[in-house]
Amino acid sequence: MNPVTPDFHSAVEFPPYDQYNQILLSHVHPPNWTNPTPAKTYDLVVIGAGTAGLVVAAGAAGLNIGLKIALVEKHLMGGDCLNVGCVPSKCLIRSSRVAAEMRNAKPYGINPPREVCVDFPAVMERMRRLRAGISHHDSASRFQNLGIDVFLGAGQFTSSSTVQVGDQALNFKKAVIATGARAARPTVPGLEEAGFLTNETVFSLTTQPKRLAVIGGGPIGCELAQAFHRLGSAVTLIHKNAHLLDKEDPDAAEIVQNQLQQDGVTFVLGAQLTQVETTPAGKVLHYDLGHGKRGSVTVDEILVGAGRQPNVNHLGLETVGVEYDPRRGVKVNDYLQTTNPKIYAAGDICMDWKFTHAADAAARIVIKNTLFSPFGLGQSKLSDLVMPWVTFTAPEIAHVGMYERDAKQRGIEYSTIEISMASVDRAIADGQTEGFLKVLHKKGSDEILGATIVAENAGDMISEITTAIVTKQGLSKLSGVIHPYPTQAEVIKKQQMPIGELC
């Protein structure tokens, strides 16, 4: 049995300690918080107060059927999304887009300033102010007012029906693991000694790095590389593969890669980091390009965005027979039930979809399956979800359903319809013609299998196609929907399946 990790909620630090972060902490980890006296038995104990944990706890309490719910969080309520993920990153991206629009104003008949002066401390202060302003939604006091017992401290299973938080034992009938994931840390000689940033620390910056290396060409790496470069940092993006966003539709990834290159981001692709040195000139990253080619780059800061690692340590999972993998997380079935039938999991701790909206959807499955599906009848399945996602670069990439490679792997015959944004009047007027809509449909049918949109606001457009897939509406129905003119979403109406496809 692992030793119980002590309750350390009073020691949480979240720099810089300005008025906005003080407001944030007063909501999501109040330093003067006193844990309640535990109930004799809880119907549900939830470990982790990120999106999945919050939705499970609030949803169960909101049923108003007298359930006793406990919510345990060792760090910050709201999890990554509020504190070090979606919210702060989108604030930063918005500021970077303003800077880019100012620099690129000439084609619109507006003379840009000779130099766009970015006040980086003010950019970060705005982010902290906005984050603090919405943090009350995830606050300990709000969930307490919902009738939930909120325990700040590290939770650990100590028996088949007990979670220990400090010196308090929480007895449960059922439990949910929602401890999320953290930034993966590459094992590169000298990296730890040189020091580096992750999404968990980069939003605490108050001084802009003049030279920034971003490790990882996935969504997080590309979003932050573009944002920091547009804000004035000289950014070098280092990626192990030959192309950025290599899990995305190749045509979509190519557009974003070309845009980052036009912005001025430097790429080092197909590179394996071999060593990091700390020198008077800065942090020197050495890399191997293969075929005897090597190189290096010197920077002021290093940002690691190379994947996520599940938070499975110090939970006592072995004690309760919950199987897990250090890289993939807690093992669950399609009903989000772990190998212990009394314990479920949701969110980044157990799912390949590491998105806030995915955690929310999974939490709703857990509520139903833990409380309303006796003997396994009428359970909801994770595999039934139709999951869209967005990479928030400029332009954005939004996707839902299958890629072409998925259809090929499943032996499904398909056809594609592709509409360029250059054929959409509003995109022309906006000067945002780099992009497309690509719809994958079953050959000889108007059944939609999947879709990818590349556009400035692709994330706001994908939900229409997601709705069509969920409600089993085909291309003919979708193309018959009246869209306001002129909007960029009109690209969805423009898709028309050739009559020959149905013959």
Protein backbone atom coordinates (compact mmCIF):
# COMPACT_ATOMS: atom_id res chain seq x y z
CA MET A 1 0.00 0.00 0.00
CA ASN A 2 1.28 3.46 -0.86
CA PRO A 3 1.68 5.89 2.05
CA VAL A 4 -1.10 8.42 2.35
CA THR A 5 -0.04 11.75 0.88
CA PRO A 6 -0.58 14.50 3.48
CA ASP A 7 -3.11 17.27 3.01
CA PHE A 8 -1.19 20.27 1.69
CA HIS A 9 -3.93 22.54 0.39
CA SER A 10 -2.71 25.53 2.37
CA ALA A 11 0.66 25.42 0.55
CA VAL A 12 -0.63 25.89 -3.01
CA GLU A 13 1.23 28.63 -4.87
CA PHE A 14 0.22 30.17 -8.18
CA PRO A 15 2.49 33.05 -9.23
CA PRO A 16 2.43 35.93 -9.77
CA TYR A 17 0.64 36.70 -6.54
CA ASP A 18 -1.21 39.78 -7.80
CA GLN A 19 -4.79 40.80 -7.06
CA TYR A 20 -6.19 38.64 -9.85
CA ASN A 21 -4.45 35.45 -8.83
CA GLN A 22 -5.46 36.13 -5.24
CA ILE A 23 -9.08 36.28 -6.40
CA LEU A 24 -8.55 33.09 -8.38
CA LEU A 25 -7.10 31.23 -5.41
CA SER A 26 -9.83 32.50 -3.09
CA HIS A 27 -12.27 30.68 -5.35
CA VAL A 28 -10.50 27.53 -6.52
CA HIS A 29 -8.26 26.82 -3.53
CA PRO A 30 -9.08 29.18 -0.65
CA PRO A 31 -6.13 29.15 1.78
CA ASN A 32 -8.42 29.34 4.82
CA TRP A 33 -10.64 26.47 3.73
CA THR A 34 -11.70 24.00 6.42
CA ASN A 35 -12.65 20.56 5.23
CA PRO A 36 -16.06 19.41 6.49
CA THR A 37 -16.66 16.55 8.90
CA PRO A 38 -17.16 13.51 6.65
CA ALA A 39 -20.59 11.93 6.38
CA LYS A 40 -20.98 8.39 7.63
CA THR A 41 -21.13 7.13 4.03
CA TYR A 42 -21.12 8.88 0.66
CA ASP A 43 -23.16 7.70 -2.27
CA LEU A 44 -20.41 9.06 -4.50
CA VAL A 45 -16.84 10.24 -3.84
CA VAL A 46 -15.21 12.08 -6.75
CA ILE A 47 -11.42 12.48 -6.78
CA GLY A 48 -10.40 15.43 -8.91
CA ALA A 49 -12.20 18.73 -9.48
CA GLY A 50 -11.37 19.41 -13.11
CA THR A 51 -14.12 19.46 -15.70
CA ALA A 52 -15.04 15.77 -15.39
CA GLY A 53 -15.09 15.79 -11.60
CA LEU A 54 -17.04 19.04 -11.34
CA VAL A 55 -19.70 17.87 -13.79
CA VAL A 56 -20.09 14.50 -12.05
CA ALA A 57 -20.39 16.11 -8.62
CA ALA A 58 -22.70 18.95 -9.66
CA GLY A 59 -24.83 16.67 -11.84
CA ALA A 60 -25.30 14.10 -9.08
CA ALA A 61 -26.10 16.76 -6.50
CA GLY A 62 -28.48 18.50 -8.90
CA LEU A 63 -30.71 15.45 -9.07
CA ASN A 64 -32.14 16.55 -5.71
CA ILE A 65 -32.75 13.01 -4.50
CA GLY A 66 -30.77 13.31 -1.28
CA LEU A 67 -27.47 11.86 -2.46
CA LYS A 68 -24.38 12.46 -0.33
CA ILE A 69 -21.55 13.60 -2.58
CA ALA A 70 -17.92 14.32 -1.73
CA LEU A 71 -15.50 16.12 -4.06
CA VAL A 72 -11.75 15.92 -3.43
CA GLU A 73 -9.15 18.23 -5.02
CA LYS A 74 -5.50 18.52 -4.05
CA HIS A 75 -4.61 21.53 -6.19
CA LEU A 76 -6.90 23.94 -8.06
CA MET A 77 -10.61 23.42 -8.68
CA GLY A 78 -11.43 23.93 -12.31
CA GLY A 79 -8.45 21.82 -13.31
CA ASP A 80 -6.37 22.56 -16.37
CA CYS A 81 -9.16 24.14 -18.40
CA LEU A 82 -9.74 27.12 -16.14
CA ASN A 83 -6.29 27.55 -14.67
CA VAL A 84 -3.63 26.49 -17.17
CA GLY A 85 -5.43 25.39 -20.32
CA CYS A 86 -8.40 26.52 -22.38
CA VAL A 87 -9.16 29.81 -20.66
CA PRO A 88 -5.68 31.38 -20.37
CA SER A 89 -4.52 30.07 -23.75
CA LYS A 90 -7.50 31.54 -25.59
CA CYS A 91 -6.99 34.88 -23.85
CA LEU A 92 -3.38 34.85 -25.06
CA ILE A 93 -4.40 33.77 -28.56
CA ARG A 94 -6.94 36.60 -28.79
CA SER A 95 -4.30 39.21 -27.95
CA SER A 96 -1.92 37.68 -30.50
CA ARG A 97 -4.58 37.83 -33.21
CA VAL A 98 -5.13 41.53 -32.54
CA ALA A 99 -1.40 42.12 -32.96
CA ALA A 100 -1.38 40.14 -36.21
CA GLU A 101 -4.40 42.04 -37.57
CA MET A 102 -2.69 45.35 -36.85
CA ARG A 103 0.47 44.27 -38.69
CA ASN A 104 -1.55 42.96 -41.64
CA ALA A 105 -3.92 45.94 -41.98
CA LYS A 106 -2.49 47.30 -45.27
CA PRO A 107 -4.51 45.05 -47.63
CA TYR A 108 -7.69 46.34 -45.97
CA GLY A 109 -6.87 49.97 -46.81
CA ILE A 110 -5.61 50.80 -43.35
CA ASN A 111 -2.05 51.95 -42.79
CA PRO A 112 -0.56 49.90 -39.97
CA PRO A 113 1.71 51.53 -37.41
CA ARG A 114 5.43 51.36 -38.13
CA GLU A 115 5.77 49.05 -35.18
CA VAL A 116 3.13 47.14 -33.25
CA CYS A 117 4.20 47.56 -29.64
CA VAL A 118 3.00 44.61 -27.57
CA ASP A 119 2.81 45.25 -23.83
CA PHE A 120 3.40 41.66 -22.77
CA PRO A 121 2.86 42.23 -19.04
CA ALA A 122 -0.48 43.86 -19.89
CA VAL A 123 -1.42 40.91 -22.13
CA MET A 124 -0.77 38.51 -19.27
CA GLU A 125 -2.52 40.75 -16.74
CA ARG A 126 -5.62 40.79 -18.96
CA MET A 127 -5.53 37.01 -19.05
CA ARG A 128 -5.29 36.78 -15.26
CA ARG A 129 -8.11 39.31 -14.83
CA LEU A 130 -10.47 37.45 -17.15
CA ARG A 131 -9.57 34.08 -15.64
CA ALA A 132 -10.21 35.36 -12.13
CA GLY A 133 -13.51 36.87 -13.29
CA ILE A 134 -14.97 33.53 -14.33
CA SER A 135 -13.34 31.36 -11.64
CA HIS A 136 -16.32 31.64 -9.28
CA HIS A 137 -18.13 29.11 -11.49
CA ASP A 138 -15.66 26.45 -10.30
CA SER A 139 -15.27 27.71 -6.75
CA ALA A 140 -15.19 25.59 -3.63
CA SER A 141 -17.92 27.73 -2.04
CA ARG A 142 -20.24 27.33 -5.05
CA PHE A 143 -20.00 23.55 -4.91
CA GLN A 144 -20.41 23.62 -1.16
CA ASN A 145 -23.63 25.60 -1.70
CA LEU A 146 -24.81 22.86 -4.06
CA GLY A 147 -24.75 20.51 -1.07
CA ILE A 148 -21.44 18.86 -1.94
CA ASP A 149 -18.80 18.20 0.73
CA VAL A 150 -15.62 19.71 -0.73
CA PHE A 151 -12.32 18.37 0.61
CA LEU A 152 -9.11 20.16 -0.34
CA GLY A 153 -6.20 17.76 -0.14
CA ALA A 154 -4.79 14.66 -1.79
CA GLY A 155 -7.20 11.75 -1.99
CA GLN A 156 -6.09 8.12 -1.94
CA PHE A 157 -7.91 4.80 -1.86
CA THR A 158 -7.05 2.93 1.33
CA SER A 159 -9.69 0.20 1.11
CA SER A 160 -12.40 -1.04 -1.23
CA SER A 161 -14.80 1.51 0.25
CA THR A 162 -12.60 4.29 1.65
CA VAL A 163 -10.79 7.34 0.31
CA GLN A 164 -8.36 9.01 2.69
CA VAL A 165 -7.84 12.78 2.61
CA GLY A 166 -5.25 13.80 5.16
CA ASP A 167 -6.47 12.34 8.46
CA GLN A 168 -10.09 12.05 7.25
CA ALA A 169 -11.64 8.85 5.91
CA LEU A 170 -14.43 9.12 3.33
CA ASN A 171 -16.48 5.95 3.09
CA PHE A 172 -18.19 5.47 -0.26
CA LYS A 173 -20.65 3.29 -2.11
CA LYS A 174 -19.23 4.30 -5.47
CA ALA A 175 -16.28 6.45 -6.52
CA VAL A 176 -15.11 8.32 -9.60
CA ILE A 177 -11.49 8.98 -10.57
CA ALA A 178 -11.18 12.29 -12.42
CA THR A 179 -7.60 13.32 -11.66
CA GLY A 180 -6.77 14.38 -15.21
CA ALA A 181 -3.35 14.56 -16.81
CA ARG A 182 -0.26 16.74 -16.75
CA ALA A 183 2.32 17.86 -19.29
CA ALA A 184 4.66 15.06 -20.35
CA ARG A 185 8.33 15.77 -19.60
CA PRO A 186 10.84 14.57 -22.18
CA THR A 187 13.92 12.77 -20.84
CA VAL A 188 16.56 14.91 -22.53
CA PRO A 189 19.96 15.29 -20.85
CA GLY A 190 20.31 18.78 -19.38
CA LEU A 191 16.66 19.78 -19.86
CA GLU A 192 15.73 19.61 -16.17
CA GLU A 193 18.87 21.52 -15.20
CA ALA A 194 18.23 24.24 -17.79
CA GLY A 195 14.62 24.62 -16.70
CA PHE A 196 11.60 24.69 -18.97
CA LEU A 197 7.99 25.81 -19.18
CA THR A 198 4.85 23.74 -19.74
CA ASN A 199 1.22 24.77 -20.05
CA GLU A 200 1.18 24.59 -16.24
CA THR A 201 3.78 27.36 -15.87
CA VAL A 202 3.85 29.39 -19.08
CA PHE A 203 0.82 31.46 -18.09
CA SER A 204 2.65 32.67 -15.00
CA LEU A 205 5.15 34.59 -17.15
CA THR A 206 5.29 38.34 -16.65
CA THR A 207 8.31 38.99 -18.89
CA GLN A 208 8.23 38.03 -22.54
CA PRO A 209 10.97 35.63 -23.68
CA LYS A 210 12.82 37.19 -26.61
CA ARG A 211 13.80 33.77 -27.95
CA LEU A 212 11.51 30.81 -27.31
CA ALA A 213 11.88 27.17 -28.29
CA VAL A 214 8.66 25.17 -28.45
CA ILE A 215 9.09 21.39 -28.29
CA GLY A 216 6.23 19.56 -29.97
CA GLY A 217 4.28 20.25 -33.15
CA GLY A 218 0.88 19.06 -31.95
CA PRO A 219 -2.09 21.33 -31.20
CA ILE A 220 -0.69 22.84 -27.98
CA GLY A 221 2.74 23.45 -29.47
CA CYS A 222 1.37 25.03 -32.65
CA GLU A 223 -1.18 27.23 -30.86
CA LEU A 224 1.35 28.64 -28.41
CA ALA A 225 4.18 28.92 -30.95
CA GLN A 226 2.01 31.06 -33.20
CA ALA A 227 0.65 33.13 -30.31
CA PHE A 228 4.05 33.91 -28.80
CA HIS A 229 5.55 34.73 -32.19
CA ARG A 230 2.71 37.12 -33.01
CA LEU A 231 3.25 38.76 -29.62
CA GLY A 232 6.89 39.39 -30.51
CA SER A 233 8.98 36.40 -29.43
CA ALA A 234 11.37 34.79 -31.91
CA VAL A 235 9.99 31.24 -31.89
CA THR A 236 11.66 28.03 -33.00
CA LEU A 237 9.30 25.06 -33.19
CA ILE A 238 11.02 21.69 -32.83
CA HIS A 239 9.06 18.59 -33.83
CA LYS A 240 10.09 14.95 -34.08
CA ASN A 241 8.14 14.26 -37.28
CA ALA A 242 8.40 15.67 -40.79
CA HIS A 243 5.17 17.68 -40.61
CA LEU A 244 3.27 19.60 -37.94
CA LEU A 245 -0.12 18.40 -36.69
CA ASP A 246 0.55 14.97 -38.18
CA LYS A 247 -2.58 13.45 -36.63
CA GLU A 248 -4.78 15.89 -38.51
CA ASP A 249 -6.04 15.81 -42.10
CA PRO A 250 -2.80 16.33 -44.11
CA ASP A 251 -4.30 19.07 -46.30
CA ALA A 252 -5.53 20.93 -43.23
CA ALA A 253 -2.21 20.58 -41.42
CA GLU A 254 -0.35 21.88 -44.46
CA ILE A 255 -2.37 25.11 -44.49
CA VAL A 256 -1.62 25.77 -40.82
CA GLN A 257 2.05 24.90 -41.25
CA ASN A 258 2.30 27.32 -44.18
CA GLN A 259 0.61 30.05 -42.11
CA LEU A 260 3.02 29.59 -39.20
CA GLN A 261 5.88 29.80 -41.67
CA GLN A 262 4.45 33.00 -43.16
CA ASP A 263 4.11 34.41 -39.65
CA GLY A 264 7.85 33.85 -39.22
CA VAL A 265 8.00 30.82 -36.94
CA THR A 266 11.20 28.83 -37.53
CA PHE A 267 10.75 25.07 -37.94
CA VAL A 268 13.13 22.28 -37.03
CA LEU A 269 11.33 19.16 -38.28
CA GLY A 270 12.28 15.51 -38.11
CA ALA A 271 14.46 16.37 -35.14
CA GLN A 272 15.41 14.37 -32.08
CA LEU A 273 16.56 16.45 -29.11
CA THR A 274 19.84 15.07 -27.80
CA GLN A 275 20.98 17.55 -25.15
CA VAL A 276 20.28 20.93 -23.57
CA GLU A 277 23.14 23.09 -22.33
CA THR A 278 23.00 26.15 -20.10
CA THR A 279 25.44 28.80 -21.29
CA PRO A 280 25.95 32.55 -20.74
CA ALA A 281 24.34 33.12 -24.16
CA GLY A 282 21.23 31.18 -23.21
CA LYS A 283 19.82 27.67 -23.26
CA VAL A 284 21.28 25.69 -26.14
CA LEU A 285 19.16 22.88 -27.58
CA HIS A 286 21.12 20.30 -29.57
CA TYR A 287 19.23 18.09 -32.00
CA ASP A 288 19.83 15.25 -34.44
CA LEU A 289 18.21 15.39 -37.88
CA GLY A 290 19.39 11.95 -38.95
CA HIS A 291 21.74 11.00 -41.77
CA GLY A 292 24.61 12.55 -39.84
CA LYS A 293 23.01 16.01 -39.71
CA ARG A 294 22.98 17.86 -36.42
CA GLY A 295 22.15 21.35 -35.29
CA SER A 296 21.46 23.61 -32.33
CA VAL A 297 19.46 26.66 -31.37
CA THR A 298 20.00 29.09 -28.49
CA VAL A 299 16.99 30.52 -26.68
CA ASP A 300 15.97 32.26 -23.47
CA GLU A 301 13.09 29.91 -22.59
CA ILE A 302 11.95 26.42 -23.53
CA LEU A 303 8.26 25.50 -23.72
CA VAL A 304 7.47 21.80 -23.73
CA GLY A 305 4.23 20.87 -25.44
CA ALA A 306 4.91 17.22 -26.23
CA GLY A 307 1.83 15.41 -25.01
CA ARG A 308 0.07 14.59 -21.76
CA GLN A 309 0.67 12.08 -18.98
CA PRO A 310 -2.17 10.75 -16.78
CA ASN A 311 -2.17 11.51 -13.04
CA VAL A 312 -2.24 7.97 -11.66
CA ASN A 313 0.40 8.25 -8.94
CA HIS A 314 -0.37 8.22 -5.19
CA LEU A 315 -4.01 7.25 -5.68
CA GLY A 316 -3.73 3.80 -4.13
CA LEU A 317 -5.16 2.19 -7.26
CA GLU A 318 -3.45 -1.11 -6.50
CA THR A 319 -5.24 -1.21 -3.17
CA VAL A 320 -8.66 -1.30 -4.82
CA GLY A 321 -7.79 -3.40 -7.87
CA VAL A 322 -7.98 -0.61 -10.43
CA GLU A 323 -5.73 -1.43 -13.38
CA TYR A 324 -3.84 1.37 -15.07
CA ASP A 325 -0.97 2.15 -17.40
CA PRO A 326 1.45 4.99 -16.54
CA ARG A 327 1.20 6.31 -20.10
CA ARG A 328 -2.42 5.63 -21.05
CA GLY A 329 -4.03 6.06 -17.64
CA VAL A 330 -6.76 4.17 -15.84
CA LYS A 331 -8.22 1.22 -17.73
CA VAL A 332 -11.97 1.53 -18.29
CA ASN A 333 -14.59 -0.30 -20.33
CA ASP A 334 -17.02 1.34 -22.74
CA TYR A 335 -19.21 2.34 -19.77
CA LEU A 336 -16.26 4.13 -18.09
CA GLN A 337 -16.16 1.48 -15.38
CA THR A 338 -12.72 0.51 -14.07
CA THR A 339 -11.62 -3.03 -13.23
CA ASN A 340 -13.22 -2.38 -9.83
CA PRO A 341 -16.99 -2.38 -10.54
CA LYS A 342 -17.62 0.20 -7.77
CA ILE A 343 -15.17 2.70 -9.26
CA TYR A 344 -15.56 4.68 -12.50
CA ALA A 345 -13.30 7.18 -14.26
CA ALA A 346 -13.78 10.11 -16.63
CA GLY A 347 -11.72 12.71 -18.46
CA ASP A 348 -8.02 12.84 -19.27
CA ILE A 349 -7.19 10.16 -16.71
CA CYS A 350 -8.71 7.44 -18.90
CA MET A 351 -9.58 8.82 -22.36
CA ASP A 352 -7.74 9.46 -25.61
CA TRP A 353 -9.95 12.53 -26.17
CA LYS A 354 -8.22 15.03 -23.94
CA PHE A 355 -10.64 17.92 -24.35
CA THR A 356 -12.80 19.80 -21.87
CA HIS A 357 -15.99 19.04 -23.80
CA ALA A 358 -15.03 15.36 -23.94
CA ALA A 359 -14.57 15.29 -20.16
CA ASP A 360 -17.96 16.96 -19.76
CA ALA A 361 -19.67 14.41 -22.01
CA ALA A 362 -17.94 11.50 -20.26
CA ALA A 363 -18.98 12.83 -16.86
CA ARG A 364 -22.63 12.72 -17.93
CA ILE A 365 -22.18 9.08 -18.92
CA VAL A 366 -20.72 8.37 -15.48
CA ILE A 367 -23.65 10.03 -13.70
CA LYS A 368 -26.11 7.83 -15.58
CA ASN A 369 -24.13 4.62 -15.27
CA THR A 370 -23.31 4.98 -11.56
CA LEU A 371 -26.73 6.14 -10.38
CA PHE A 372 -29.39 5.15 -12.90
CA SER A 373 -28.39 1.88 -14.54
CA PRO A 374 -28.96 -0.93 -12.05
CA PHE A 375 -27.54 -4.30 -13.10
CA GLY A 376 -26.07 -2.68 -16.21
CA LEU A 377 -29.42 -2.00 -17.89
CA GLY A 378 -29.69 1.07 -20.09
CA GLN A 379 -26.07 2.12 -19.66
CA SER A 380 -24.56 4.79 -21.88
CA LYS A 381 -21.40 4.07 -23.88
CA LEU A 382 -18.35 6.20 -24.52
CA SER A 383 -18.14 4.79 -28.06
CA ASP A 384 -21.56 6.28 -28.88
CA LEU A 385 -20.24 9.84 -28.54
CA VAL A 386 -19.68 11.90 -31.68
CA MET A 387 -16.70 14.02 -30.68
CA PRO A 388 -15.65 17.22 -32.46
CA TRP A 389 -12.41 19.01 -31.70
CA VAL A 390 -10.58 22.18 -32.67
CA THR A 391 -6.98 23.32 -32.98
CA PHE A 392 -7.08 27.04 -32.22
CA THR A 393 -4.39 28.24 -34.58
CA ALA A 394 -5.08 30.88 -37.21
CA PRO A 395 -6.72 29.54 -39.26
CA GLU A 396 -8.41 27.02 -37.00
CA ILE A 397 -8.80 23.34 -37.80
CA ALA A 398 -12.05 21.73 -36.67
CA HIS A 399 -12.87 18.07 -37.15
CA VAL A 400 -15.62 15.58 -36.34
CA GLY A 401 -16.12 11.93 -37.17
CA MET A 402 -13.84 9.88 -39.42
CA TYR A 403 -10.75 10.85 -41.33
CA GLU A 404 -10.12 9.17 -44.67
CA ARG A 405 -7.58 6.89 -43.00
CA ASP A 406 -10.27 5.75 -40.53
CA ALA A 407 -12.66 4.81 -43.33
CA LYS A 408 -9.90 2.89 -45.11
CA GLN A 409 -8.99 1.00 -41.95
CA ARG A 410 -12.64 0.01 -41.44
CA GLY A 411 -13.10 -1.02 -45.04
CA ILE A 412 -15.78 1.61 -45.67
CA GLU A 413 -16.11 2.83 -49.23
CA TYR A 414 -16.35 6.61 -49.19
CA SER A 415 -16.30 9.74 -51.28
CA THR A 416 -15.21 13.25 -50.40
CA ILE A 417 -16.61 16.66 -51.16
CA GLU A 418 -14.24 19.60 -50.77
CA ILE A 419 -15.22 23.28 -50.95
CA SER A 420 -12.56 25.97 -50.83
CA MET A 421 -13.13 29.01 -48.63
CA ALA A 422 -12.01 31.00 -51.67
CA SER A 423 -15.46 30.29 -53.15
CA VAL A 424 -17.30 31.79 -50.17
CA ASP A 425 -18.17 35.47 -50.58
CA ARG A 426 -17.82 36.36 -46.91
CA ALA A 427 -14.39 34.71 -46.70
CA ILE A 428 -13.35 36.78 -49.73
CA ALA A 429 -14.63 39.97 -48.08
CA ASP A 430 -12.83 39.06 -44.85
CA GLY A 431 -9.58 38.27 -46.67
CA GLN A 432 -9.65 34.79 -45.12
CA THR A 433 -9.71 32.49 -48.12
CA GLU A 434 -7.05 30.02 -46.94
CA GLY A 435 -9.06 27.00 -45.92
CA PHE A 436 -11.74 24.55 -46.93
CA LEU A 437 -14.60 22.30 -45.93
CA LYS A 438 -14.00 18.61 -46.57
CA VAL A 439 -16.91 16.23 -46.01
CA LEU A 440 -16.45 12.47 -46.02
CA HIS A 441 -19.59 10.50 -46.87
CA LYS A 442 -20.44 6.87 -47.50
CA LYS A 443 -20.15 6.08 -51.20
CA GLY A 444 -23.54 5.89 -52.87
CA SER A 445 -25.20 7.51 -49.88
CA ASP A 446 -25.54 10.94 -48.32
CA GLU A 447 -24.59 9.57 -44.87
CA ILE A 448 -21.93 11.83 -43.37
CA LEU A 449 -18.93 9.96 -41.98
CA GLY A 450 -16.82 12.92 -40.96
CA ALA A 451 -15.77 16.46 -41.80
CA THR A 452 -12.82 18.83 -41.49
CA ILE A 453 -13.08 22.61 -41.66
CA VAL A 454 -10.12 24.97 -42.00
CA ALA A 455 -11.19 28.58 -41.45
CA GLU A 456 -10.67 31.48 -39.09
CA ASN A 457 -13.69 30.42 -37.02
CA ALA A 458 -13.84 26.74 -37.90
CA GLY A 459 -14.56 25.84 -34.29
CA ASP A 460 -17.81 27.80 -34.40
CA MET A 461 -18.85 26.10 -37.65
CA ILE A 462 -18.20 22.42 -36.93
CA SER A 463 -21.15 21.99 -34.56
CA GLU A 464 -23.62 22.16 -37.44
CA ILE A 465 -22.06 19.07 -39.01
CA THR A 466 -21.73 17.38 -35.61
CA THR A 467 -25.47 17.91 -35.11
CA ALA A 468 -26.18 16.40 -38.51
CA ILE A 469 -24.14 13.29 -37.68
CA VAL A 470 -25.72 12.89 -34.23
CA THR A 471 -29.26 13.28 -35.58
CA LYS A 472 -28.46 11.14 -38.65
CA GLN A 473 -29.22 13.90 -41.11
CA GLY A 474 -27.54 13.42 -44.46
CA LEU A 475 -25.92 15.78 -46.92
CA SER A 476 -29.20 16.51 -48.69
CA LYS A 477 -30.78 17.78 -45.47
CA LEU A 478 -27.69 19.78 -44.56
CA SER A 479 -27.45 21.47 -47.95
CA GLY A 480 -31.14 22.38 -47.69
CA VAL A 481 -30.64 24.41 -44.52
CA ILE A 482 -30.90 28.16 -45.16
CA HIS A 483 -27.76 29.99 -44.08
CA PRO A 484 -27.64 33.77 -43.60
CA TYR A 485 -25.79 35.55 -46.38
CA PRO A 486 -23.00 36.49 -46.25
CA THR A 487 -21.40 34.25 -43.64
CA GLN A 488 -18.42 31.95 -43.80
CA ALA A 489 -20.65 29.10 -42.59
CA GLU A 490 -22.32 29.29 -45.99
CA VAL A 491 -19.54 26.93 -47.11
CA ILE A 492 -21.57 24.14 -45.47
CA LYS A 493 -24.56 24.87 -47.70
CA LYS A 494 -22.35 24.90 -50.78
CA GLN A 495 -21.57 21.21 -50.48
CA GLN A 496 -23.65 19.34 -53.01
CA MET A 497 -23.25 15.63 -53.62
CA PRO A 498 -23.07 14.81 -57.33
CA ILE A 499 -26.20 13.00 -58.52
CA GLY A 500 -23.98 10.29 -59.95
CA GLU A 501 -22.85 9.33 -56.47
CA LEU A 502 -26.35 8.02 -55.71
CA CYS A 503 -26.59 5.94 -58.88
